[in-house]
Amino acid sequence: MNNHGVGTLVPQIDNKVNNWTKVQAPKRDKFLNLPHIDMVGYYQFVTFRTFDSIDEFLKRLSAENIQTKTKQYKIDNYLDNSSHGCYLNDKVLEYLKNFFIEKDKILYELIAFCIMPNHIHILFKQNIELDKIMKSIKGSSSNKINKILCKKGKFWDSNYYDKAIRDNNHLMTTYEYIKNNPLKVGLSKDRFYGIYE
């Protein structure tokens, strides 16, 4: 045992005989980035961004050993004011609004989304596994967006931030955040869709 964690006992099956083996508990800083809650029927708040929105500042920020929530807040604030990867405008904006609404009741039960110039916030209730939702969203939309923009190559960053919604207060706070995100940086409200409007 050392100062990075405490030792603990875990059961080990060995030739159908139960034995106990002492293992080292994970370091405390490993809990900064907890695992995803991915359960059909859960409400999820997901943020993802364009591949070209990632610059050296975001790479350094992503590598920082800070809580995921704090890191995502800093990333969102930076992206709201960054001009990198700002493709989600005009025809692409209209395409994505229709795309997200078309996927309602198929991939998810859509609650709200906002489409910022280089990233998206979306709130939904899962109908299938979260990674399948995100692969479908990114895979289907990237091909069409690249055609609209006469562009080739990777369109979306492979990562995404997700947060399971805990209760009705959390749901409504998240909804309001999504609703107000375009307005706080001077963008029009047509970048937002919500079922309570």
C-alpha atoms as a PDB file:
ATOM      1  CA  MET A   1       0.000   0.000   0.000  1.00  0.00           C
ATOM      2  CA  ASN A   2       1.202   3.532  -0.756  1.00  0.00           C
ATOM      3  CA  ASN A   3      -0.132   7.081  -0.623  1.00  0.00           C
ATOM      4  CA  HIS A   4      -1.854   6.791  -4.032  1.00  0.00           C
ATOM      5  CA  GLY A   5      -4.718   4.677  -2.729  1.00  0.00           C
ATOM      6  CA  VAL A   6      -5.667   1.986  -0.324  1.00  0.00           C
ATOM      7  CA  GLY A   7      -5.343  -1.728  -0.840  1.00  0.00           C
ATOM      8  CA  THR A   8      -8.525  -3.707  -1.220  1.00  0.00           C
ATOM      9  CA  LEU A   9      -9.541  -7.315  -1.531  1.00  0.00           C
ATOM     10  CA  VAL A  10     -11.299  -8.632  -4.601  1.00  0.00           C
ATOM     11  CA  PRO A  11     -12.560 -12.153  -5.248  1.00  0.00           C
ATOM     12  CA  GLN A  12     -10.613 -14.220  -7.756  1.00  0.00           C
ATOM     13  CA  ILE A  13     -11.896 -17.497  -9.151  1.00  0.00           C
ATOM     14  CA  ASP A  14      -9.150 -20.106  -9.420  1.00  0.00           C
ATOM     15  CA  ASN A  15     -10.039 -23.695 -10.354  1.00  0.00           C
ATOM     16  CA  LYS A  16     -13.554 -23.247  -8.923  1.00  0.00           C
ATOM     17  CA  VAL A  17     -12.104 -22.262  -5.530  1.00  0.00           C
ATOM     18  CA  ASN A  18     -12.668 -18.739  -4.238  1.00  0.00           C
ATOM     19  CA  ASN A  19      -9.434 -16.968  -3.358  1.00  0.00           C
ATOM     20  CA  TRP A  20      -8.939 -13.359  -2.322  1.00  0.00           C
ATOM     21  CA  THR A  21      -6.183 -11.268  -3.847  1.00  0.00           C
ATOM     22  CA  LYS A  22      -4.994  -7.898  -2.610  1.00  0.00           C
ATOM     23  CA  VAL A  23      -5.006  -5.274  -5.392  1.00  0.00           C
ATOM     24  CA  GLN A  24      -4.150  -1.623  -5.475  1.00  0.00           C
ATOM     25  CA  ALA A  25      -7.119   0.784  -5.596  1.00  0.00           C
ATOM     26  CA  PRO A  26      -7.023   3.330  -8.422  1.00  0.00           C
ATOM     27  CA  LYS A  27      -5.288   6.639  -7.858  1.00  0.00           C
ATOM     28  CA  ARG A  28      -7.547   9.415  -6.636  1.00  0.00           C
ATOM     29  CA  ASP A  29      -7.043  11.526  -9.769  1.00  0.00           C
ATOM     30  CA  LYS A  30      -8.460   8.687 -11.885  1.00  0.00           C
ATOM     31  CA  PHE A  31     -11.910   9.739 -10.669  1.00  0.00           C
ATOM     32  CA  LEU A  32     -11.686  13.111 -12.421  1.00  0.00           C
ATOM     33  CA  ASN A  33     -13.069  11.505 -15.579  1.00  0.00           C
ATOM     34  CA  LEU A  34     -15.766   9.085 -14.537  1.00  0.00           C
ATOM     35  CA  PRO A  35     -17.215   6.586 -17.019  1.00  0.00           C
ATOM     36  CA  HIS A  36     -20.147   7.440 -19.240  1.00  0.00           C
ATOM     37  CA  ILE A  37     -23.645   6.474 -18.162  1.00  0.00           C
ATOM     38  CA  ASP A  38     -24.991   4.850 -21.285  1.00  0.00           C
ATOM     39  CA  MET A  39     -28.441   3.397 -20.744  1.00  0.00           C
ATOM     40  CA  VAL A  40     -31.378   3.333 -23.112  1.00  0.00           C
ATOM     41  CA  GLY A  41     -34.105   5.496 -21.606  1.00  0.00           C
ATOM     42  CA  TYR A  42     -31.688   7.974 -19.970  1.00  0.00           C
ATOM     43  CA  TYR A  43     -31.724  11.653 -20.877  1.00  0.00           C
ATOM     44  CA  GLN A  44     -28.345  12.818 -22.157  1.00  0.00           C
ATOM     45  CA  PHE A  45     -26.764  16.209 -22.775  1.00  0.00           C
ATOM     46  CA  VAL A  46     -24.150  15.829 -25.519  1.00  0.00           C
ATOM     47  CA  THR A  47     -21.697  18.326 -26.985  1.00  0.00           C
ATOM     48  CA  PHE A  48     -19.578  17.648 -30.058  1.00  0.00           C
ATOM     49  CA  ARG A  49     -17.549  19.856 -32.373  1.00  0.00           C
ATOM     50  CA  THR A  50     -16.085  20.137 -35.827  1.00  0.00           C
ATOM     51  CA  PHE A  51     -12.683  18.603 -36.395  1.00  0.00           C
ATOM     52  CA  ASP A  52     -11.207  21.883 -37.626  1.00  0.00           C
ATOM     53  CA  SER A  53     -12.270  23.693 -34.438  1.00  0.00           C
ATOM     54  CA  ILE A  54      -9.435  21.960 -32.622  1.00  0.00           C
ATOM     55  CA  ASP A  55      -6.341  24.115 -32.380  1.00  0.00           C
ATOM     56  CA  GLU A  56      -3.265  24.037 -30.155  1.00  0.00           C
ATOM     57  CA  PHE A  57      -5.076  25.786 -27.292  1.00  0.00           C
ATOM     58  CA  LEU A  58      -7.838  23.151 -27.254  1.00  0.00           C
ATOM     59  CA  LYS A  59      -5.278  20.348 -27.474  1.00  0.00           C
ATOM     60  CA  ARG A  60      -3.461  21.730 -24.408  1.00  0.00           C
ATOM     61  CA  LEU A  61      -6.738  22.268 -22.576  1.00  0.00           C
ATOM     62  CA  SER A  62      -7.894  18.725 -23.368  1.00  0.00           C
ATOM     63  CA  ALA A  63      -4.649  17.362 -21.931  1.00  0.00           C
ATOM     64  CA  GLU A  64      -5.058  19.210 -18.607  1.00  0.00           C
ATOM     65  CA  ASN A  65      -5.657  17.014 -15.580  1.00  0.00           C
ATOM     66  CA  ILE A  66      -8.812  18.771 -14.365  1.00  0.00           C
ATOM     67  CA  GLN A  67     -12.375  17.650 -13.792  1.00  0.00           C
ATOM     68  CA  THR A  68     -14.287  16.872 -16.972  1.00  0.00           C
ATOM     69  CA  LYS A  69     -17.035  19.356 -16.086  1.00  0.00           C
ATOM     70  CA  THR A  70     -14.514  22.180 -15.607  1.00  0.00           C
ATOM     71  CA  LYS A  71     -12.636  21.227 -18.759  1.00  0.00           C
ATOM     72  CA  GLN A  72     -15.833  21.132 -20.827  1.00  0.00           C
ATOM     73  CA  TYR A  73     -16.906  24.532 -19.486  1.00  0.00           C
ATOM     74  CA  LYS A  74     -13.559  26.026 -20.568  1.00  0.00           C
ATOM     75  CA  ILE A  75     -13.784  24.333 -23.977  1.00  0.00           C
ATOM     76  CA  ASP A  76     -17.344  25.607 -24.530  1.00  0.00           C
ATOM     77  CA  ASN A  77     -16.378  29.157 -23.632  1.00  0.00           C
ATOM     78  CA  TYR A  78     -13.407  29.017 -25.971  1.00  0.00           C
ATOM     79  CA  LEU A  79     -15.404  27.518 -28.855  1.00  0.00           C
ATOM     80  CA  ASP A  80     -18.152  30.128 -28.436  1.00  0.00           C
ATOM     81  CA  ASN A  81     -15.593  32.798 -29.348  1.00  0.00           C
ATOM     82  CA  SER A  82     -13.327  30.880 -31.728  1.00  0.00           C
ATOM     83  CA  SER A  83     -13.418  31.212 -35.503  1.00  0.00           C
ATOM     84  CA  HIS A  84     -11.803  27.793 -36.095  1.00  0.00           C
ATOM     85  CA  GLY A  85     -13.964  25.212 -37.872  1.00  0.00           C
ATOM     86  CA  CYS A  86     -17.022  27.492 -38.128  1.00  0.00           C
ATOM     87  CA  TYR A  87     -18.832  25.588 -40.870  1.00  0.00           C
ATOM     88  CA  LEU A  88     -22.239  25.245 -39.226  1.00  0.00           C
ATOM     89  CA  ASN A  89     -23.923  28.170 -40.957  1.00  0.00           C
ATOM     90  CA  ASP A  90     -26.351  28.856 -43.827  1.00  0.00           C
ATOM     91  CA  LYS A  91     -27.128  25.651 -45.793  1.00  0.00           C
ATOM     92  CA  VAL A  92     -25.290  23.461 -43.282  1.00  0.00           C
ATOM     93  CA  LEU A  93     -27.262  24.999 -40.408  1.00  0.00           C
ATOM     94  CA  GLU A  94     -30.582  24.325 -42.180  1.00  0.00           C
ATOM     95  CA  TYR A  95     -29.521  20.783 -43.084  1.00  0.00           C
ATOM     96  CA  LEU A  96     -28.543  19.969 -39.479  1.00  0.00           C
ATOM     97  CA  LYS A  97     -31.757  21.367 -38.004  1.00  0.00           C
ATOM     98  CA  ASN A  98     -33.791  19.111 -40.293  1.00  0.00           C
ATOM     99  CA  PHE A  99     -31.437  16.176 -39.729  1.00  0.00           C
ATOM    100  CA  PHE A 100     -31.780  16.266 -35.924  1.00  0.00           C
ATOM    101  CA  ILE A 101     -35.561  16.555 -36.117  1.00  0.00           C
ATOM    102  CA  GLU A 102     -35.756  13.664 -38.646  1.00  0.00           C
ATOM    103  CA  LYS A 103     -33.849  11.387 -36.249  1.00  0.00           C
ATOM    104  CA  ASP A 104     -36.401  12.084 -33.469  1.00  0.00           C
ATOM    105  CA  LYS A 105     -38.176   8.869 -32.380  1.00  0.00           C
ATOM    106  CA  ILE A 106     -35.588   6.814 -34.293  1.00  0.00           C
ATOM    107  CA  LEU A 107     -32.279   7.360 -32.475  1.00  0.00           C
ATOM    108  CA  TYR A 108     -33.650   9.399 -29.595  1.00  0.00           C
ATOM    109  CA  GLU A 109     -36.537  11.412 -28.250  1.00  0.00           C
ATOM    110  CA  LEU A 110     -35.389  14.936 -29.032  1.00  0.00           C
ATOM    111  CA  ILE A 111     -35.742  17.593 -26.332  1.00  0.00           C
ATOM    112  CA  ALA A 112     -33.525  20.447 -27.554  1.00  0.00           C
ATOM    113  CA  PHE A 113     -30.466  21.389 -29.568  1.00  0.00           C
ATOM    114  CA  CYS A 114     -28.483  24.429 -30.551  1.00  0.00           C
ATOM    115  CA  ILE A 115     -26.122  24.609 -33.460  1.00  0.00           C
ATOM    116  CA  MET A 116     -23.232  26.921 -32.811  1.00  0.00           C
ATOM    117  CA  PRO A 117     -20.857  27.796 -35.698  1.00  0.00           C
ATOM    118  CA  ASN A 118     -18.325  25.108 -34.690  1.00  0.00           C
ATOM    119  CA  HIS A 119     -20.083  22.864 -32.152  1.00  0.00           C
ATOM    120  CA  ILE A 120     -23.456  21.431 -31.195  1.00  0.00           C
ATOM    121  CA  HIS A 121     -25.311  20.928 -27.919  1.00  0.00           C
ATOM    122  CA  ILE A 122     -28.118  18.383 -27.988  1.00  0.00           C
ATOM    123  CA  LEU A 123     -30.443  17.048 -25.279  1.00  0.00           C
ATOM    124  CA  PHE A 124     -32.356  13.829 -25.840  1.00  0.00           C
ATOM    125  CA  LYS A 125     -33.660  10.630 -24.297  1.00  0.00           C
ATOM    126  CA  GLN A 126     -31.760   7.633 -25.667  1.00  0.00           C
ATOM    127  CA  ASN A 127     -33.646   5.056 -27.753  1.00  0.00           C
ATOM    128  CA  ILE A 128     -30.440   3.102 -28.461  1.00  0.00           C
ATOM    129  CA  GLU A 129     -26.884   3.023 -27.050  1.00  0.00           C
ATOM    130  CA  LEU A 130     -25.182   6.422 -26.908  1.00  0.00           C
ATOM    131  CA  ASP A 131     -22.158   5.455 -29.020  1.00  0.00           C
ATOM    132  CA  LYS A 132     -24.490   4.200 -31.768  1.00  0.00           C
ATOM    133  CA  ILE A 133     -26.417   7.481 -31.673  1.00  0.00           C
ATOM    134  CA  MET A 134     -23.235   9.506 -31.999  1.00  0.00           C
ATOM    135  CA  LYS A 135     -21.801   7.298 -34.770  1.00  0.00           C
ATOM    136  CA  SER A 136     -25.051   7.632 -36.690  1.00  0.00           C
ATOM    137  CA  ILE A 137     -25.242  11.405 -36.227  1.00  0.00           C
ATOM    138  CA  LYS A 138     -21.631  12.036 -37.147  1.00  0.00           C
ATOM    139  CA  GLY A 139     -21.364   9.453 -39.926  1.00  0.00           C
ATOM    140  CA  SER A 140     -24.553  10.404 -41.757  1.00  0.00           C
ATOM    141  CA  SER A 141     -24.207  14.149 -41.377  1.00  0.00           C
ATOM    142  CA  SER A 142     -20.488  14.441 -42.173  1.00  0.00           C
ATOM    143  CA  ASN A 143     -20.902  13.018 -45.679  1.00  0.00           C
ATOM    144  CA  LYS A 144     -23.743  15.399 -46.518  1.00  0.00           C
ATOM    145  CA  ILE A 145     -22.024  18.433 -44.933  1.00  0.00           C
ATOM    146  CA  ASN A 146     -18.815  17.737 -46.845  1.00  0.00           C
ATOM    147  CA  LYS A 147     -20.881  17.666 -50.069  1.00  0.00           C
ATOM    148  CA  ILE A 148     -22.607  20.954 -49.189  1.00  0.00           C
ATOM    149  CA  LEU A 149     -19.243  22.594 -48.479  1.00  0.00           C
ATOM    150  CA  CYS A 150     -17.402  20.893 -51.373  1.00  0.00           C
ATOM    151  CA  LYS A 151     -15.015  19.606 -48.733  1.00  0.00           C
ATOM    152  CA  LYS A 152     -13.308  16.263 -48.133  1.00  0.00           C
ATOM    153  CA  GLY A 153     -11.893  14.561 -45.100  1.00  0.00           C
ATOM    154  CA  LYS A 154     -12.820  14.275 -41.475  1.00  0.00           C
ATOM    155  CA  PHE A 155     -15.594  16.691 -40.513  1.00  0.00           C
ATOM    156  CA  TRP A 156     -16.408  15.967 -36.823  1.00  0.00           C
ATOM    157  CA  ASP A 157     -13.962  15.549 -33.972  1.00  0.00           C
ATOM    158  CA  SER A 158     -14.092  11.930 -32.828  1.00  0.00           C
ATOM    159  CA  ASN A 159     -14.682  12.899 -29.180  1.00  0.00           C
ATOM    160  CA  TYR A 160     -17.856  14.117 -27.567  1.00  0.00           C
ATOM    161  CA  TYR A 161     -18.868  15.212 -24.088  1.00  0.00           C
ATOM    162  CA  ASP A 162     -21.928  13.593 -22.564  1.00  0.00           C
ATOM    163  CA  LYS A 163     -23.666  14.067 -19.249  1.00  0.00           C
ATOM    164  CA  ALA A 164     -26.570  11.979 -18.002  1.00  0.00           C
ATOM    165  CA  ILE A 165     -29.426  14.083 -16.685  1.00  0.00           C
ATOM    166  CA  ARG A 166     -30.101  13.455 -12.984  1.00  0.00           C
ATOM    167  CA  ASP A 167     -33.559  14.932 -12.425  1.00  0.00           C
ATOM    168  CA  ASN A 168     -36.142  17.404 -13.736  1.00  0.00           C
ATOM    169  CA  ASN A 169     -34.241  20.450 -12.378  1.00  0.00           C
ATOM    170  CA  HIS A 170     -31.093  19.302 -14.173  1.00  0.00           C
ATOM    171  CA  LEU A 171     -33.120  18.744 -17.360  1.00  0.00           C
ATOM    172  CA  MET A 172     -34.601  22.249 -17.288  1.00  0.00           C
ATOM    173  CA  THR A 173     -31.269  23.895 -16.400  1.00  0.00           C
ATOM    174  CA  THR A 174     -29.648  22.115 -19.345  1.00  0.00           C
ATOM    175  CA  TYR A 175     -32.544  23.066 -21.633  1.00  0.00           C
ATOM    176  CA  GLU A 176     -32.151  26.739 -20.699  1.00  0.00           C
ATOM    177  CA  TYR A 177     -28.362  26.553 -21.200  1.00  0.00           C
ATOM    178  CA  ILE A 178     -28.875  25.166 -24.710  1.00  0.00           C
ATOM    179  CA  LYS A 179     -31.559  27.755 -25.467  1.00  0.00           C
ATOM    180  CA  ASN A 180     -29.426  30.688 -24.334  1.00  0.00           C
ATOM    181  CA  ASN A 181     -26.063  29.551 -25.717  1.00  0.00           C
ATOM    182  CA  PRO A 182     -26.460  31.212 -29.146  1.00  0.00           C
ATOM    183  CA  LEU A 183     -27.958  34.369 -27.633  1.00  0.00           C
ATOM    184  CA  LYS A 184     -25.122  34.919 -25.149  1.00  0.00           C
ATOM    185  CA  VAL A 185     -22.633  35.298 -28.021  1.00  0.00           C
ATOM    186  CA  GLY A 186     -24.914  37.413 -30.196  1.00  0.00           C
ATOM    187  CA  LEU A 187     -26.214  34.730 -32.558  1.00  0.00           C
ATOM    188  CA  SER A 188     -29.841  34.433 -33.640  1.00  0.00           C
ATOM    189  CA  LYS A 189     -32.371  32.256 -31.856  1.00  0.00           C
ATOM    190  CA  ASP A 190     -32.990  30.253 -35.053  1.00  0.00           C
ATOM    191  CA  ARG A 191     -29.956  28.149 -34.086  1.00  0.00           C
ATOM    192  CA  PHE A 192     -32.057  26.686 -31.251  1.00  0.00           C
ATOM    193  CA  TYR A 193     -34.819  24.081 -31.270  1.00  0.00           C
ATOM    194  CA  GLY A 194     -36.714  23.008 -28.178  1.00  0.00           C
ATOM    195  CA  ILE A 195     -39.906  21.108 -27.535  1.00  0.00           C
ATOM    196  CA  TYR A 196     -41.061  23.582 -24.861  1.00  0.00           C
ATOM    197  CA  GLU A 197     -41.132  26.588 -27.200  1.00  0.00           C
END
